[in-house]
Amino acid sequence: MSGDPVDVPIDAVGAQGDGLATTADGRRLYVPYGAPGDFLRVALGASRGDGVEARVLDRLQDGPRQAPICDHFGTCGGCSTQHLPDATYRAWKGELLVQALVRRGLAPGVEDLVRVPPASRRRATFAAVKTARGVAVGFLARRDRRVIDIAACPLLVADLNRLLDPLKSLLDDLLPTGGRARVAVAALPGGVD
């Protein structure tokens, strides 16, 4: 499916946060971290659903975007849309909701999305792996099983970020080398669960 590089405009954002483009011959492309208004040179990759994964080779023109708030953005697979301006993000999320309701035969009016501010997310499921170098706790890389070790996530409340180092110590005792775990945490009114 790969071949010569292709220059494409990003027209929309897909359900998983990838930029969407269409090639001259009608193939749908899924471009990680693409934003509407981008004009990109991409390499085509593996088939994915009704389209093809694409990898950015060159940014010929950037559409509207904002600086991501996380140092791990683009490596960690936890967030795929931090580069989208707030209005673009809210419109995309609202349209996802409308499409889901319409598929179920519902057509309610949907109000504007209320954006949750940084440092306010009260739930997370961390990925962990123990290697010869120690325990990594964080989130999985995009479309990969590698654990991206994080010191903190700017979206999480402080109580959950403070769990990262104690979790590493605990999992170091519990996991064998090569062992993996998923750890669901929640900041509740009575404390952390």
N, C-alpha and C. Protein backbone atom coordinates (compact mmCIF):
# COMPACT_ATOMS: atom_id res chain seq x y z
N MET A 1 0.82 -1.19 0.00
CA MET A 1 0.00 0.00 0.00
C MET A 1 0.87 1.25 0.00
N SER A 2 2.15 1.11 0.31
CA SER A 2 3.00 2.30 0.31
C SER A 2 3.50 2.57 -1.10
N GLY A 3 4.08 3.70 -1.28
CA GLY A 3 4.59 4.11 -2.59
C GLY A 3 5.19 5.48 -2.48
N ASP A 4 5.05 6.26 -3.54
CA ASP A 4 5.57 7.62 -3.52
C ASP A 4 4.83 8.46 -2.49
N PRO A 5 5.50 9.45 -1.91
CA PRO A 5 4.81 10.35 -0.98
C PRO A 5 3.64 11.05 -1.67
N VAL A 6 2.64 11.39 -0.87
CA VAL A 6 1.43 12.04 -1.36
C VAL A 6 1.25 13.34 -0.58
N ASP A 7 0.89 14.42 -1.27
CA ASP A 7 0.59 15.69 -0.63
C ASP A 7 -0.93 15.80 -0.49
N VAL A 8 -1.40 16.00 0.76
CA VAL A 8 -2.85 16.02 1.01
C VAL A 8 -3.22 17.12 2.00
N PRO A 9 -4.41 17.69 1.82
CA PRO A 9 -4.95 18.59 2.85
C PRO A 9 -5.72 17.77 3.88
N ILE A 10 -5.64 18.19 5.13
CA ILE A 10 -6.44 17.57 6.18
C ILE A 10 -7.78 18.31 6.21
N ASP A 11 -8.85 17.52 6.03
CA ASP A 11 -10.18 18.11 5.92
C ASP A 11 -10.99 18.07 7.21
N ALA A 12 -10.69 17.07 8.06
CA ALA A 12 -11.51 16.88 9.26
C ALA A 12 -10.71 16.08 10.27
N VAL A 13 -11.34 15.81 11.41
CA VAL A 13 -10.75 14.99 12.45
C VAL A 13 -11.62 13.74 12.59
N GLY A 14 -10.98 12.57 12.57
CA GLY A 14 -11.70 11.31 12.68
C GLY A 14 -12.08 10.99 14.11
N ALA A 15 -12.84 9.92 14.28
CA ALA A 15 -13.36 9.54 15.59
C ALA A 15 -12.27 9.26 16.62
N GLN A 16 -11.09 8.82 16.18
CA GLN A 16 -10.01 8.54 17.11
C GLN A 16 -9.01 9.69 17.22
N GLY A 17 -9.34 10.83 16.64
CA GLY A 17 -8.50 12.01 16.76
C GLY A 17 -7.49 12.21 15.66
N ASP A 18 -7.44 11.29 14.68
CA ASP A 18 -6.51 11.46 13.56
C ASP A 18 -7.06 12.48 12.57
N GLY A 19 -6.14 13.18 11.88
CA GLY A 19 -6.57 14.02 10.77
C GLY A 19 -7.04 13.14 9.63
N LEU A 20 -8.08 13.57 8.92
CA LEU A 20 -8.61 12.82 7.79
C LEU A 20 -8.28 13.54 6.49
N ALA A 21 -7.84 12.77 5.52
CA ALA A 21 -7.55 13.31 4.19
C ALA A 21 -8.04 12.29 3.17
N THR A 22 -8.19 12.74 1.94
CA THR A 22 -8.57 11.85 0.84
C THR A 22 -7.58 12.05 -0.29
N THR A 23 -7.05 10.93 -0.81
CA THR A 23 -6.10 11.01 -1.92
C THR A 23 -6.85 11.30 -3.21
N ALA A 24 -6.11 11.66 -4.25
CA ALA A 24 -6.72 11.95 -5.55
C ALA A 24 -7.49 10.75 -6.08
N ASP A 25 -7.07 9.53 -5.72
CA ASP A 25 -7.78 8.35 -6.20
C ASP A 25 -8.86 7.88 -5.22
N GLY A 26 -9.19 8.72 -4.23
CA GLY A 26 -10.33 8.45 -3.37
C GLY A 26 -10.07 7.67 -2.10
N ARG A 27 -8.81 7.34 -1.79
CA ARG A 27 -8.53 6.61 -0.56
C ARG A 27 -8.57 7.54 0.65
N ARG A 28 -9.20 7.08 1.72
CA ARG A 28 -9.23 7.84 2.97
C ARG A 28 -7.93 7.59 3.71
N LEU A 29 -7.33 8.66 4.21
CA LEU A 29 -6.10 8.56 5.00
C LEU A 29 -6.35 8.99 6.43
N TYR A 30 -5.73 8.27 7.35
CA TYR A 30 -5.74 8.61 8.77
C TYR A 30 -4.34 9.10 9.12
N VAL A 31 -4.25 10.38 9.47
CA VAL A 31 -2.95 11.01 9.70
C VAL A 31 -2.84 11.43 11.16
N PRO A 32 -2.00 10.74 11.95
CA PRO A 32 -1.86 11.10 13.36
C PRO A 32 -1.48 12.58 13.52
N TYR A 33 -2.16 13.22 14.45
CA TYR A 33 -1.88 14.61 14.84
C TYR A 33 -2.11 15.62 13.72
N GLY A 34 -2.83 15.22 12.69
CA GLY A 34 -3.21 16.17 11.65
C GLY A 34 -4.36 17.03 12.14
N ALA A 35 -4.42 18.27 11.65
CA ALA A 35 -5.48 19.20 12.03
C ALA A 35 -6.10 19.79 10.77
N PRO A 36 -7.40 20.07 10.80
CA PRO A 36 -8.03 20.70 9.64
C PRO A 36 -7.26 21.96 9.22
N GLY A 37 -7.01 22.06 7.93
CA GLY A 37 -6.24 23.18 7.40
C GLY A 37 -4.79 22.85 7.15
N ASP A 38 -4.29 21.74 7.72
CA ASP A 38 -2.92 21.30 7.44
C ASP A 38 -2.82 20.86 5.99
N PHE A 39 -1.66 21.08 5.37
CA PHE A 39 -1.34 20.51 4.06
C PHE A 39 -0.03 19.76 4.27
N LEU A 40 -0.09 18.43 4.11
CA LEU A 40 1.01 17.57 4.53
C LEU A 40 1.50 16.67 3.42
N ARG A 41 2.79 16.36 3.44
CA ARG A 41 3.36 15.30 2.60
C ARG A 41 3.41 14.06 3.48
N VAL A 42 2.76 12.99 3.03
CA VAL A 42 2.65 11.78 3.85
C VAL A 42 3.12 10.55 3.08
N ALA A 43 3.51 9.55 3.83
CA ALA A 43 3.80 8.22 3.28
C ALA A 43 2.65 7.31 3.69
N LEU A 44 2.17 6.51 2.76
CA LEU A 44 1.07 5.61 3.04
C LEU A 44 1.59 4.36 3.72
N GLY A 45 0.79 3.86 4.65
CA GLY A 45 1.18 2.68 5.42
C GLY A 45 0.15 1.58 5.29
N ALA A 46 -0.11 0.92 6.39
CA ALA A 46 -1.00 -0.24 6.43
C ALA A 46 -2.46 0.17 6.29
N SER A 47 -3.26 -0.76 5.81
CA SER A 47 -4.71 -0.55 5.76
C SER A 47 -5.24 -0.43 7.18
N ARG A 48 -6.27 0.39 7.32
CA ARG A 48 -6.91 0.58 8.62
C ARG A 48 -8.38 0.85 8.38
N GLY A 49 -9.23 -0.09 8.73
CA GLY A 49 -10.67 0.08 8.54
C GLY A 49 -11.00 0.37 7.09
N ASP A 50 -11.63 1.51 6.86
CA ASP A 50 -12.02 1.89 5.50
C ASP A 50 -10.96 2.75 4.81
N GLY A 51 -9.75 2.79 5.36
CA GLY A 51 -8.72 3.65 4.79
C GLY A 51 -7.33 3.12 4.99
N VAL A 52 -6.39 4.06 5.06
CA VAL A 52 -4.97 3.73 5.13
C VAL A 52 -4.31 4.64 6.17
N GLU A 53 -3.45 4.06 7.02
CA GLU A 53 -2.63 4.86 7.93
C GLU A 53 -1.64 5.66 7.10
N ALA A 54 -1.35 6.87 7.52
CA ALA A 54 -0.35 7.68 6.83
C ALA A 54 0.60 8.26 7.87
N ARG A 55 1.84 8.45 7.46
CA ARG A 55 2.88 9.01 8.34
C ARG A 55 3.33 10.33 7.73
N VAL A 56 3.41 11.36 8.56
CA VAL A 56 3.80 12.69 8.08
C VAL A 56 5.29 12.70 7.76
N LEU A 57 5.62 13.09 6.53
CA LEU A 57 7.01 13.27 6.11
C LEU A 57 7.42 14.72 6.19
N ASP A 58 6.47 15.61 5.86
CA ASP A 58 6.78 17.04 5.85
C ASP A 58 5.49 17.83 6.06
N ARG A 59 5.59 18.89 6.85
CA ARG A 59 4.46 19.79 7.06
C ARG A 59 4.61 20.93 6.06
N LEU A 60 3.83 20.92 5.00
CA LEU A 60 3.92 21.94 3.96
C LEU A 60 3.23 23.23 4.39
N GLN A 61 2.15 23.08 5.15
CA GLN A 61 1.43 24.23 5.70
C GLN A 61 0.64 23.77 6.91
N ASP A 62 0.71 24.53 7.98
CA ASP A 62 -0.06 24.19 9.18
C ASP A 62 -1.38 24.92 9.17
N GLY A 63 -2.43 24.19 9.54
CA GLY A 63 -3.71 24.81 9.81
C GLY A 63 -3.67 25.38 11.21
N PRO A 64 -4.79 25.91 11.68
CA PRO A 64 -4.81 26.42 13.06
C PRO A 64 -4.52 25.30 14.05
N ARG A 65 -3.62 25.57 14.99
CA ARG A 65 -3.28 24.62 16.04
C ARG A 65 -2.83 25.39 17.27
N GLN A 66 -2.73 24.67 18.36
CA GLN A 66 -2.23 25.27 19.59
C GLN A 66 -1.13 24.38 20.15
N ALA A 67 -0.34 24.94 21.03
CA ALA A 67 0.75 24.18 21.66
C ALA A 67 0.15 23.18 22.65
N PRO A 68 0.52 21.90 22.56
CA PRO A 68 0.03 20.91 23.53
C PRO A 68 0.52 21.26 24.93
N ILE A 69 -0.28 20.91 25.94
CA ILE A 69 0.09 21.23 27.32
C ILE A 69 0.98 20.16 27.94
N CYS A 70 1.18 19.03 27.25
CA CYS A 70 1.93 17.92 27.83
C CYS A 70 3.23 17.69 27.07
N ASP A 71 4.31 17.49 27.81
CA ASP A 71 5.60 17.20 27.20
C ASP A 71 5.62 15.85 26.49
N HIS A 72 4.70 14.95 26.85
CA HIS A 72 4.66 13.61 26.26
C HIS A 72 3.76 13.54 25.04
N PHE A 73 3.09 14.66 24.69
CA PHE A 73 2.18 14.64 23.54
C PHE A 73 2.95 14.24 22.28
N GLY A 74 2.37 13.31 21.54
CA GLY A 74 3.01 12.82 20.32
C GLY A 74 3.77 11.53 20.55
N THR A 75 4.12 11.25 21.80
CA THR A 75 4.77 10.00 22.17
C THR A 75 3.78 9.11 22.90
N CYS A 76 3.19 9.66 23.94
CA CYS A 76 2.19 8.96 24.73
C CYS A 76 0.91 8.86 23.90
N GLY A 77 0.25 7.74 23.96
CA GLY A 77 -0.99 7.57 23.21
C GLY A 77 -2.22 8.01 23.98
N GLY A 78 -2.03 8.56 25.16
CA GLY A 78 -3.17 8.96 25.98
C GLY A 78 -3.99 10.08 25.39
N CYS A 79 -3.38 11.02 24.73
CA CYS A 79 -4.09 12.16 24.15
C CYS A 79 -3.73 12.27 22.67
N SER A 80 -4.72 12.52 21.85
CA SER A 80 -4.44 12.64 20.42
C SER A 80 -4.84 13.98 19.84
N THR A 81 -5.43 14.86 20.67
CA THR A 81 -5.98 16.09 20.10
C THR A 81 -5.55 17.37 20.83
N GLN A 82 -4.49 17.32 21.62
CA GLN A 82 -4.08 18.53 22.34
C GLN A 82 -3.63 19.65 21.40
N HIS A 83 -3.32 19.32 20.17
CA HIS A 83 -2.86 20.33 19.21
C HIS A 83 -4.02 21.10 18.58
N LEU A 84 -5.25 20.64 18.79
CA LEU A 84 -6.40 21.30 18.17
C LEU A 84 -6.81 22.53 18.98
N PRO A 85 -7.09 23.63 18.29
CA PRO A 85 -7.61 24.81 19.01
C PRO A 85 -8.92 24.45 19.71
N ASP A 86 -9.23 25.13 20.78
CA ASP A 86 -10.39 24.82 21.59
C ASP A 86 -11.69 24.75 20.77
N ALA A 87 -11.93 25.71 19.89
CA ALA A 87 -13.17 25.72 19.10
C ALA A 87 -13.25 24.50 18.19
N THR A 88 -12.13 24.12 17.58
CA THR A 88 -12.10 22.94 16.71
C THR A 88 -12.37 21.68 17.52
N TYR A 89 -11.74 21.58 18.68
CA TYR A 89 -11.92 20.41 19.55
C TYR A 89 -13.38 20.29 19.98
N ARG A 90 -13.97 21.39 20.44
CA ARG A 90 -15.36 21.35 20.92
C ARG A 90 -16.31 20.98 19.80
N ALA A 91 -16.11 21.52 18.61
CA ALA A 91 -16.97 21.18 17.48
C ALA A 91 -16.84 19.70 17.12
N TRP A 92 -15.61 19.19 17.11
CA TRP A 92 -15.36 17.77 16.79
C TRP A 92 -16.05 16.86 17.81
N LYS A 93 -15.86 17.12 19.10
CA LYS A 93 -16.47 16.28 20.13
C LYS A 93 -18.00 16.36 20.07
N GLY A 94 -18.52 17.55 19.85
CA GLY A 94 -19.98 17.70 19.73
C GLY A 94 -20.53 16.91 18.56
N GLU A 95 -19.84 16.94 17.43
CA GLU A 95 -20.27 16.20 16.24
C GLU A 95 -20.20 14.69 16.47
N LEU A 96 -19.19 14.21 17.20
CA LEU A 96 -19.13 12.79 17.55
C LEU A 96 -20.37 12.37 18.33
N LEU A 97 -20.78 13.19 19.27
CA LEU A 97 -21.97 12.89 20.07
C LEU A 97 -23.21 12.88 19.18
N VAL A 98 -23.37 13.89 18.36
CA VAL A 98 -24.53 13.96 17.47
C VAL A 98 -24.58 12.73 16.56
N GLN A 99 -23.47 12.36 15.95
CA GLN A 99 -23.44 11.18 15.06
C GLN A 99 -23.82 9.91 15.80
N ALA A 100 -23.33 9.75 17.03
CA ALA A 100 -23.65 8.55 17.82
C ALA A 100 -25.15 8.50 18.12
N LEU A 101 -25.75 9.63 18.45
CA LEU A 101 -27.18 9.66 18.74
C LEU A 101 -28.01 9.39 17.48
N VAL A 102 -27.62 9.98 16.37
CA VAL A 102 -28.34 9.78 15.11
C VAL A 102 -28.29 8.32 14.69
N ARG A 103 -27.14 7.65 14.87
CA ARG A 103 -27.05 6.22 14.53
C ARG A 103 -28.03 5.39 15.33
N ARG A 104 -28.45 5.89 16.48
CA ARG A 104 -29.39 5.16 17.32
C ARG A 104 -30.82 5.69 17.17
N GLY A 105 -31.03 6.49 16.13
CA GLY A 105 -32.37 6.99 15.83
C GLY A 105 -32.81 8.16 16.68
N LEU A 106 -31.89 8.80 17.35
CA LEU A 106 -32.21 9.95 18.19
C LEU A 106 -31.74 11.22 17.52
N ALA A 107 -32.47 12.29 17.71
CA ALA A 107 -32.07 13.57 17.11
C ALA A 107 -32.30 14.72 18.10
N PRO A 108 -31.71 14.61 19.29
CA PRO A 108 -31.90 15.69 20.27
C PRO A 108 -31.02 16.89 19.94
N GLY A 109 -31.40 18.03 20.47
CA GLY A 109 -30.52 19.18 20.37
C GLY A 109 -29.34 18.98 21.31
N VAL A 110 -28.16 19.30 20.86
CA VAL A 110 -26.97 19.13 21.68
C VAL A 110 -26.37 20.50 21.95
N GLU A 111 -26.19 20.79 23.21
CA GLU A 111 -25.60 22.07 23.60
C GLU A 111 -24.10 22.06 23.35
N ASP A 112 -23.49 23.22 23.42
CA ASP A 112 -22.05 23.34 23.24
C ASP A 112 -21.33 22.54 24.31
N LEU A 113 -20.26 21.89 23.92
CA LEU A 113 -19.47 21.07 24.83
C LEU A 113 -18.86 21.92 25.94
N VAL A 114 -18.86 21.39 27.15
CA VAL A 114 -18.19 22.03 28.27
C VAL A 114 -16.82 21.38 28.38
N ARG A 115 -15.79 22.16 28.23
CA ARG A 115 -14.42 21.64 28.25
C ARG A 115 -13.93 21.48 29.69
N VAL A 116 -13.35 20.35 29.99
CA VAL A 116 -12.80 20.11 31.32
C VAL A 116 -11.39 20.70 31.35
N PRO A 117 -11.08 21.52 32.35
CA PRO A 117 -9.76 22.17 32.39
C PRO A 117 -8.65 21.19 32.78
N PRO A 118 -7.40 21.55 32.49
CA PRO A 118 -6.27 20.73 32.95
C PRO A 118 -6.30 20.55 34.46
N ALA A 119 -5.63 19.50 34.91
CA ALA A 119 -5.49 19.18 36.34
C ALA A 119 -6.84 18.93 37.01
N SER A 120 -7.82 18.40 36.25
CA SER A 120 -9.13 18.16 36.85
C SER A 120 -9.65 16.73 36.60
N ARG A 121 -8.95 15.96 35.81
CA ARG A 121 -9.40 14.59 35.52
C ARG A 121 -9.17 13.74 36.77
N ARG A 122 -10.24 13.04 37.21
CA ARG A 122 -10.20 12.31 38.47
C ARG A 122 -10.08 10.80 38.30
N ARG A 123 -9.97 10.30 37.06
CA ARG A 123 -9.83 8.86 36.82
C ARG A 123 -8.77 8.62 35.76
N ALA A 124 -8.07 7.52 35.89
CA ALA A 124 -7.09 7.13 34.86
C ALA A 124 -6.82 5.64 35.01
N THR A 125 -6.41 5.03 33.90
CA THR A 125 -5.91 3.66 33.95
C THR A 125 -4.48 3.69 33.43
N PHE A 126 -3.56 3.47 34.33
CA PHE A 126 -2.15 3.49 33.98
C PHE A 126 -1.72 2.13 33.45
N ALA A 127 -0.77 2.15 32.55
CA ALA A 127 -0.10 0.93 32.09
C ALA A 127 1.24 0.87 32.80
N ALA A 128 1.69 -0.35 33.09
CA ALA A 128 2.98 -0.51 33.77
C ALA A 128 3.71 -1.72 33.21
N VAL A 129 5.03 -1.64 33.22
CA VAL A 129 5.87 -2.77 32.82
C VAL A 129 7.14 -2.72 33.65
N LYS A 130 7.60 -3.91 34.05
CA LYS A 130 8.87 -3.98 34.79
C LYS A 130 9.94 -4.48 33.83
N THR A 131 11.00 -3.70 33.70
CA THR A 131 12.12 -4.07 32.85
C THR A 131 13.35 -4.24 33.74
N ALA A 132 14.46 -4.59 33.12
CA ALA A 132 15.71 -4.71 33.87
C ALA A 132 16.13 -3.38 34.48
N ARG A 133 15.65 -2.26 33.92
CA ARG A 133 15.99 -0.93 34.42
C ARG A 133 15.04 -0.44 35.49
N GLY A 134 13.94 -1.17 35.74
CA GLY A 134 12.97 -0.76 36.75
C GLY A 134 11.56 -0.77 36.18
N VAL A 135 10.65 -0.13 36.90
CA VAL A 135 9.25 -0.12 36.52
C VAL A 135 8.91 1.19 35.83
N ALA A 136 8.23 1.09 34.71
CA ALA A 136 7.70 2.26 34.01
C ALA A 136 6.19 2.28 34.24
N VAL A 137 5.66 3.43 34.63
CA VAL A 137 4.22 3.60 34.82
C VAL A 137 3.81 4.84 34.04
N GLY A 138 2.77 4.70 33.25
CA GLY A 138 2.27 5.82 32.46
C GLY A 138 1.14 5.36 31.57
N PHE A 139 1.26 5.67 30.29
CA PHE A 139 0.25 5.28 29.31
C PHE A 139 0.93 4.60 28.14
N LEU A 140 0.17 3.85 27.37
CA LEU A 140 0.73 3.18 26.20
C LEU A 140 1.02 4.18 25.10
N ALA A 141 2.04 3.90 24.31
CA ALA A 141 2.34 4.71 23.13
C ALA A 141 1.20 4.53 22.13
N ARG A 142 1.06 5.46 21.24
CA ARG A 142 0.00 5.38 20.22
C ARG A 142 0.14 4.10 19.41
N ARG A 143 -0.91 3.31 19.37
CA ARG A 143 -0.98 2.07 18.60
C ARG A 143 0.21 1.14 18.84
N ASP A 144 0.61 1.06 20.11
CA ASP A 144 1.80 0.29 20.47
C ASP A 144 1.64 -0.21 21.90
N ARG A 145 2.37 -1.23 22.26
CA ARG A 145 2.32 -1.76 23.62
C ARG A 145 3.42 -1.19 24.51
N ARG A 146 4.27 -0.29 23.99
CA ARG A 146 5.31 0.31 24.81
C ARG A 146 4.67 1.22 25.86
N VAL A 147 5.16 1.12 27.09
CA VAL A 147 4.68 1.98 28.16
C VAL A 147 5.54 3.24 28.17
N ILE A 148 4.89 4.39 28.06
CA ILE A 148 5.59 5.68 28.14
C ILE A 148 5.60 6.08 29.61
N ASP A 149 6.77 6.04 30.21
CA ASP A 149 6.94 6.36 31.63
C ASP A 149 6.76 7.87 31.80
N ILE A 150 5.88 8.26 32.70
CA ILE A 150 5.63 9.69 32.92
C ILE A 150 5.91 10.06 34.37
N ALA A 151 6.30 11.30 34.57
CA ALA A 151 6.47 11.83 35.93
C ALA A 151 5.15 12.42 36.42
N ALA A 152 4.34 12.91 35.48
CA ALA A 152 3.04 13.50 35.80
C ALA A 152 2.25 13.66 34.50
N CYS A 153 0.93 13.72 34.64
CA CYS A 153 0.04 14.01 33.51
C CYS A 153 -0.66 15.32 33.82
N PRO A 154 -0.56 16.32 32.94
CA PRO A 154 -1.14 17.63 33.24
C PRO A 154 -2.67 17.63 33.27
N LEU A 155 -3.29 16.54 32.84
CA LEU A 155 -4.75 16.48 32.88
C LEU A 155 -5.28 15.96 34.21
N LEU A 156 -4.45 15.23 34.94
CA LEU A 156 -4.89 14.58 36.18
C LEU A 156 -4.82 15.51 37.39
N VAL A 157 -5.72 15.26 38.34
CA VAL A 157 -5.65 15.98 39.62
C VAL A 157 -4.35 15.59 40.32
N ALA A 158 -3.88 16.45 41.18
CA ALA A 158 -2.58 16.25 41.85
C ALA A 158 -2.54 14.94 42.63
N ASP A 159 -3.67 14.55 43.28
CA ASP A 159 -3.67 13.31 44.06
C ASP A 159 -3.31 12.10 43.20
N LEU A 160 -3.74 12.06 41.96
CA LEU A 160 -3.41 10.93 41.08
C LEU A 160 -1.97 11.00 40.61
N ASN A 161 -1.48 12.18 40.32
CA ASN A 161 -0.07 12.31 39.93
C ASN A 161 0.86 11.90 41.06
N ARG A 162 0.45 12.18 42.30
CA ARG A 162 1.28 11.80 43.45
C ARG A 162 1.36 10.28 43.64
N LEU A 163 0.49 9.54 42.99
CA LEU A 163 0.51 8.07 43.08
C LEU A 163 1.59 7.43 42.21
N LEU A 164 2.09 8.14 41.23
CA LEU A 164 2.99 7.52 40.25
C LEU A 164 4.23 6.89 40.89
N ASP A 165 4.95 7.62 41.71
CA ASP A 165 6.16 7.06 42.34
C ASP A 165 5.83 5.91 43.30
N PRO A 166 4.82 6.05 44.18
CA PRO A 166 4.47 4.91 45.03
C PRO A 166 4.03 3.68 44.23
N LEU A 167 3.33 3.89 43.11
CA LEU A 167 2.93 2.76 42.26
C LEU A 167 4.16 2.06 41.69
N LYS A 168 5.14 2.84 41.28
CA LYS A 168 6.37 2.23 40.75
C LYS A 168 7.05 1.37 41.80
N SER A 169 7.11 1.85 43.03
CA SER A 169 7.72 1.06 44.11
C SER A 169 6.92 -0.20 44.39
N LEU A 170 5.61 -0.08 44.47
CA LEU A 170 4.76 -1.23 44.74
C LEU A 170 4.88 -2.27 43.63
N LEU A 171 4.80 -1.82 42.39
CA LEU A 171 4.86 -2.75 41.26
C LEU A 171 6.24 -3.37 41.10
N ASP A 172 7.27 -2.68 41.55
CA ASP A 172 8.61 -3.26 41.51
C ASP A 172 8.67 -4.51 42.38
N ASP A 173 7.93 -4.50 43.49
CA ASP A 173 7.88 -5.67 44.37
C ASP A 173 6.95 -6.76 43.83
N LEU A 174 5.90 -6.37 43.11
CA LEU A 174 4.88 -7.33 42.68
C LEU A 174 5.14 -7.98 41.33
N LEU A 175 5.75 -7.24 40.40
CA LEU A 175 5.89 -7.74 39.03
C LEU A 175 7.24 -8.43 38.82
N PRO A 176 7.23 -9.52 38.06
CA PRO A 176 8.51 -10.09 37.64
C PRO A 176 9.06 -9.27 36.48
N THR A 177 10.32 -9.38 36.18
CA THR A 177 10.89 -8.68 35.03
C THR A 177 10.13 -9.13 33.78
N GLY A 178 9.67 -8.17 33.00
CA GLY A 178 8.86 -8.45 31.82
C GLY A 178 7.37 -8.44 32.12
N GLY A 179 7.01 -8.40 33.41
CA GLY A 179 5.60 -8.39 33.80
C GLY A 179 4.94 -7.06 33.51
N ARG A 180 3.65 -7.13 33.20
CA ARG A 180 2.88 -5.94 32.86
C ARG A 180 1.67 -5.85 33.77
N ALA A 181 1.14 -4.64 33.93
CA ALA A 181 -0.06 -4.44 34.73
C ALA A 181 -0.83 -3.23 34.21
N ARG A 182 -2.11 -3.23 34.51
CA ARG A 182 -2.97 -2.05 34.31
C ARG A 182 -3.46 -1.67 35.69
N VAL A 183 -3.40 -0.39 36.00
CA VAL A 183 -3.80 0.08 37.33
C VAL A 183 -4.83 1.20 37.16
N ALA A 184 -6.07 0.91 37.56
CA ALA A 184 -7.14 1.92 37.49
C ALA A 184 -7.17 2.68 38.80
N VAL A 185 -7.16 4.00 38.72
CA VAL A 185 -7.18 4.86 39.90
C VAL A 185 -8.27 5.90 39.75
N ALA A 186 -8.80 6.32 40.90
CA ALA A 186 -9.83 7.36 40.91
C ALA A 186 -9.68 8.22 42.15
N ALA A 187 -9.81 9.51 41.99
CA ALA A 187 -9.80 10.45 43.11
C ALA A 187 -11.25 10.68 43.50
N LEU A 188 -11.63 10.16 44.65
CA LEU A 188 -13.00 10.24 45.13
C LEU A 188 -13.09 11.22 46.30
N PRO A 189 -14.30 11.66 46.66
CA PRO A 189 -14.42 12.60 47.78
C PRO A 189 -13.78 12.08 49.07
N GLY A 190 -13.78 10.76 49.29
CA GLY A 190 -13.20 10.20 50.51
C GLY A 190 -11.73 9.87 50.39
N GLY A 191 -11.13 10.08 49.23
CA GLY A 191 -9.72 9.77 49.02
C GLY A 191 -9.50 9.05 47.71
N VAL A 192 -8.30 8.58 47.51
CA VAL A 192 -7.93 7.92 46.26
C VAL A 192 -8.27 6.44 46.34
N ASP A 193 -8.84 5.92 45.27
CA ASP A 193 -9.18 4.49 45.18
C ASP A 193 -8.30 3.86 44.11
